Amino acid sequence: MLDENCDPWLIEVNSSPAMDYSTSVTEELVQEVMEDTVAVVTDWHFASWRRKDDVDTGHWKILHRSKMEVQRPT
């Protein structure tokens, strides 16, 4: 995928992703992903709009922000 500056981004889709430590490299990556995911789900999600840009989300980057909000079914 290319962004608005024509920078390439790898989009990976796994049919059955595993979060186990198969190598020393995956051990470090999995731990980092888990910590950063918690920061995105809690710190960024619950931050006020004024503070969202200042929240540390690790290596996660927002590539697209929708103008529409998707309503959850009740």
N, C-alpha and C. Protein backbone atom coordinates (compact mmCIF):
# COMPACT_ATOMS: atom_id res chain seq x y z
N MET A 1 0.84 -1.16 0.00
CA MET A 1 0.00 0.00 0.00
C MET A 1 0.90 1.23 0.00
N LEU A 2 0.50 2.27 -0.72
CA LEU A 2 1.24 3.52 -0.75
C LEU A 2 0.42 4.61 -0.06
N ASP A 3 1.08 5.45 0.73
CA ASP A 3 0.36 6.56 1.37
C ASP A 3 0.37 7.78 0.47
N GLU A 4 -0.13 8.92 0.98
CA GLU A 4 -0.25 10.13 0.15
C GLU A 4 1.09 10.67 -0.32
N ASN A 5 2.20 10.27 0.33
CA ASN A 5 3.54 10.68 -0.09
C ASN A 5 4.24 9.61 -0.93
N CYS A 6 3.49 8.61 -1.33
CA CYS A 6 4.00 7.47 -2.09
C CYS A 6 5.03 6.66 -1.31
N ASP A 7 4.94 6.72 0.02
CA ASP A 7 5.78 5.86 0.85
C ASP A 7 5.11 4.49 0.96
N PRO A 8 5.88 3.40 0.76
CA PRO A 8 5.27 2.07 0.83
C PRO A 8 5.04 1.62 2.26
N TRP A 9 3.93 0.93 2.49
CA TRP A 9 3.59 0.35 3.79
C TRP A 9 3.23 -1.11 3.54
N LEU A 10 3.78 -1.98 4.36
CA LEU A 10 3.46 -3.40 4.26
C LEU A 10 2.24 -3.69 5.11
N ILE A 11 1.22 -4.23 4.49
CA ILE A 11 0.02 -4.64 5.19
C ILE A 11 0.03 -6.16 5.22
N GLU A 12 0.09 -6.70 6.43
CA GLU A 12 0.18 -8.14 6.58
C GLU A 12 -1.12 -8.70 7.12
N VAL A 13 -1.59 -9.76 6.51
CA VAL A 13 -2.80 -10.44 6.97
C VAL A 13 -2.45 -11.90 7.18
N ASN A 14 -2.72 -12.39 8.38
CA ASN A 14 -2.45 -13.79 8.70
C ASN A 14 -3.77 -14.51 8.92
N SER A 15 -3.89 -15.69 8.34
CA SER A 15 -5.13 -16.46 8.54
C SER A 15 -5.20 -17.05 9.94
N SER A 16 -4.04 -17.33 10.54
CA SER A 16 -4.03 -17.83 11.92
C SER A 16 -2.77 -17.31 12.62
N PRO A 17 -2.77 -16.04 13.00
CA PRO A 17 -1.58 -15.46 13.62
C PRO A 17 -1.28 -16.07 14.98
N ALA A 18 -0.01 -16.24 15.25
CA ALA A 18 0.41 -16.79 16.55
C ALA A 18 1.22 -15.72 17.28
N MET A 19 1.04 -15.64 18.57
CA MET A 19 1.78 -14.67 19.36
C MET A 19 2.74 -15.41 20.30
N ASP A 20 3.31 -16.50 19.79
CA ASP A 20 4.26 -17.24 20.60
C ASP A 20 5.68 -16.83 20.24
N TYR A 21 6.61 -17.24 21.05
CA TYR A 21 8.01 -16.88 20.84
C TYR A 21 8.73 -18.02 20.13
N SER A 22 8.76 -17.97 18.80
CA SER A 22 9.44 -19.04 18.07
C SER A 22 10.93 -18.77 17.90
N THR A 23 11.32 -17.50 17.99
CA THR A 23 12.74 -17.13 17.90
C THR A 23 12.99 -15.96 18.85
N SER A 24 14.24 -15.60 19.04
CA SER A 24 14.55 -14.46 19.91
C SER A 24 14.03 -13.16 19.29
N VAL A 25 13.99 -13.11 17.96
CA VAL A 25 13.47 -11.91 17.29
C VAL A 25 11.96 -11.80 17.51
N THR A 26 11.23 -12.89 17.32
CA THR A 26 9.78 -12.83 17.52
C THR A 26 9.43 -12.60 18.99
N GLU A 27 10.25 -13.06 19.90
CA GLU A 27 10.00 -12.80 21.32
C GLU A 27 9.99 -11.30 21.59
N GLU A 28 10.99 -10.60 21.08
CA GLU A 28 11.07 -9.15 21.27
C GLU A 28 9.91 -8.44 20.57
N LEU A 29 9.60 -8.84 19.33
CA LEU A 29 8.53 -8.20 18.57
C LEU A 29 7.17 -8.42 19.21
N VAL A 30 6.89 -9.65 19.64
CA VAL A 30 5.59 -9.96 20.26
C VAL A 30 5.41 -9.15 21.53
N GLN A 31 6.43 -9.08 22.36
CA GLN A 31 6.32 -8.31 23.59
C GLN A 31 6.06 -6.83 23.29
N GLU A 32 6.74 -6.30 22.29
CA GLU A 32 6.56 -4.89 21.91
C GLU A 32 5.15 -4.64 21.38
N VAL A 33 4.66 -5.55 20.53
CA VAL A 33 3.32 -5.41 19.97
C VAL A 33 2.27 -5.43 21.07
N MET A 34 2.42 -6.33 22.04
CA MET A 34 1.45 -6.44 23.12
C MET A 34 1.42 -5.16 23.96
N GLU A 35 2.58 -4.61 24.30
CA GLU A 35 2.64 -3.39 25.09
C GLU A 35 2.06 -2.21 24.31
N ASP A 36 2.43 -2.08 23.03
CA ASP A 36 1.95 -0.97 22.22
C ASP A 36 0.44 -1.06 21.99
N THR A 37 -0.08 -2.28 21.84
CA THR A 37 -1.52 -2.47 21.65
C THR A 37 -2.29 -1.96 22.85
N VAL A 38 -1.82 -2.27 24.03
CA VAL A 38 -2.48 -1.78 25.25
C VAL A 38 -2.47 -0.26 25.28
N ALA A 39 -1.37 0.36 24.89
CA ALA A 39 -1.30 1.83 24.87
C ALA A 39 -2.31 2.42 23.89
N VAL A 40 -2.45 1.80 22.73
CA VAL A 40 -3.41 2.30 21.74
C VAL A 40 -4.84 2.13 22.24
N VAL A 41 -5.14 0.95 22.77
CA VAL A 41 -6.51 0.65 23.19
C VAL A 41 -6.91 1.47 24.41
N THR A 42 -6.00 1.71 25.32
CA THR A 42 -6.37 2.44 26.54
C THR A 42 -5.94 3.90 26.50
N ASP A 43 -4.67 4.17 26.44
CA ASP A 43 -4.16 5.54 26.53
C ASP A 43 -4.68 6.44 25.41
N TRP A 44 -4.54 6.00 24.16
CA TRP A 44 -4.95 6.84 23.04
C TRP A 44 -6.47 6.92 22.94
N HIS A 45 -7.13 5.78 23.06
CA HIS A 45 -8.58 5.73 22.89
C HIS A 45 -9.30 6.64 23.89
N PHE A 46 -8.85 6.65 25.14
CA PHE A 46 -9.53 7.41 26.17
C PHE A 46 -8.96 8.82 26.38
N ALA A 47 -7.96 9.21 25.62
CA ALA A 47 -7.39 10.56 25.74
C ALA A 47 -8.34 11.57 25.10
N SER A 48 -8.31 12.80 25.62
CA SER A 48 -9.12 13.86 25.00
C SER A 48 -8.54 14.16 23.62
N TRP A 49 -9.35 14.76 22.75
CA TRP A 49 -8.90 15.05 21.39
C TRP A 49 -7.69 15.96 21.40
N ARG A 50 -7.56 16.83 22.37
CA ARG A 50 -6.41 17.73 22.44
C ARG A 50 -5.12 16.98 22.77
N ARG A 51 -5.23 15.85 23.46
CA ARG A 51 -4.04 15.12 23.89
C ARG A 51 -3.68 13.93 23.01
N LYS A 52 -4.54 13.55 22.08
CA LYS A 52 -4.31 12.34 21.29
C LYS A 52 -2.96 12.35 20.57
N ASP A 53 -2.55 13.50 20.03
CA ASP A 53 -1.28 13.54 19.30
C ASP A 53 -0.07 13.37 20.22
N ASP A 54 -0.24 13.58 21.52
CA ASP A 54 0.86 13.48 22.48
C ASP A 54 0.97 12.11 23.13
N VAL A 55 0.00 11.23 22.90
CA VAL A 55 0.00 9.91 23.53
C VAL A 55 1.05 9.02 22.87
N ASP A 56 1.88 8.37 23.68
CA ASP A 56 2.90 7.45 23.17
C ASP A 56 2.23 6.13 22.81
N THR A 57 2.18 5.82 21.52
CA THR A 57 1.58 4.56 21.06
C THR A 57 2.64 3.62 20.50
N GLY A 58 3.88 3.79 20.91
CA GLY A 58 4.95 2.91 20.44
C GLY A 58 5.16 3.07 18.95
N HIS A 59 5.14 1.96 18.24
CA HIS A 59 5.38 1.99 16.79
C HIS A 59 4.10 2.03 15.97
N TRP A 60 2.93 2.11 16.62
CA TRP A 60 1.67 2.19 15.90
C TRP A 60 1.50 3.59 15.33
N LYS A 61 1.07 3.68 14.09
CA LYS A 61 0.82 4.95 13.41
C LYS A 61 -0.58 4.92 12.82
N ILE A 62 -1.30 6.04 12.90
CA ILE A 62 -2.61 6.12 12.28
C ILE A 62 -2.41 6.44 10.80
N LEU A 63 -2.87 5.53 9.94
CA LEU A 63 -2.74 5.74 8.51
C LEU A 63 -3.98 6.39 7.92
N HIS A 64 -5.11 6.17 8.57
CA HIS A 64 -6.36 6.73 8.05
C HIS A 64 -7.29 7.02 9.22
N ARG A 65 -7.89 8.19 9.20
CA ARG A 65 -8.88 8.54 10.22
C ARG A 65 -10.18 8.83 9.49
N SER A 66 -11.17 8.02 9.75
CA SER A 66 -12.46 8.16 9.08
C SER A 66 -13.23 9.36 9.65
N LYS A 67 -14.00 10.01 8.80
CA LYS A 67 -14.85 11.10 9.25
C LYS A 67 -16.16 10.57 9.83
N MET A 68 -16.47 9.33 9.50
CA MET A 68 -17.70 8.71 10.00
C MET A 68 -17.40 7.85 11.21
N GLU A 69 -18.32 7.84 12.13
CA GLU A 69 -18.20 6.94 13.28
C GLU A 69 -19.11 5.76 13.05
N VAL A 70 -18.61 4.57 13.24
CA VAL A 70 -19.41 3.36 13.07
C VAL A 70 -20.14 3.09 14.38
N GLN A 71 -21.45 2.98 14.30
CA GLN A 71 -22.27 2.72 15.47
C GLN A 71 -22.28 1.24 15.79
N ARG A 72 -22.13 0.92 17.06
CA ARG A 72 -22.22 -0.47 17.49
C ARG A 72 -23.68 -0.88 17.56
N PRO A 73 -23.99 -2.10 17.16
CA PRO A 73 -25.38 -2.55 17.30
C PRO A 73 -25.72 -2.71 18.78
N THR A 74 -26.95 -2.41 19.11
CA THR A 74 -27.38 -2.54 20.53
C THR A 74 -28.10 -3.84 20.77
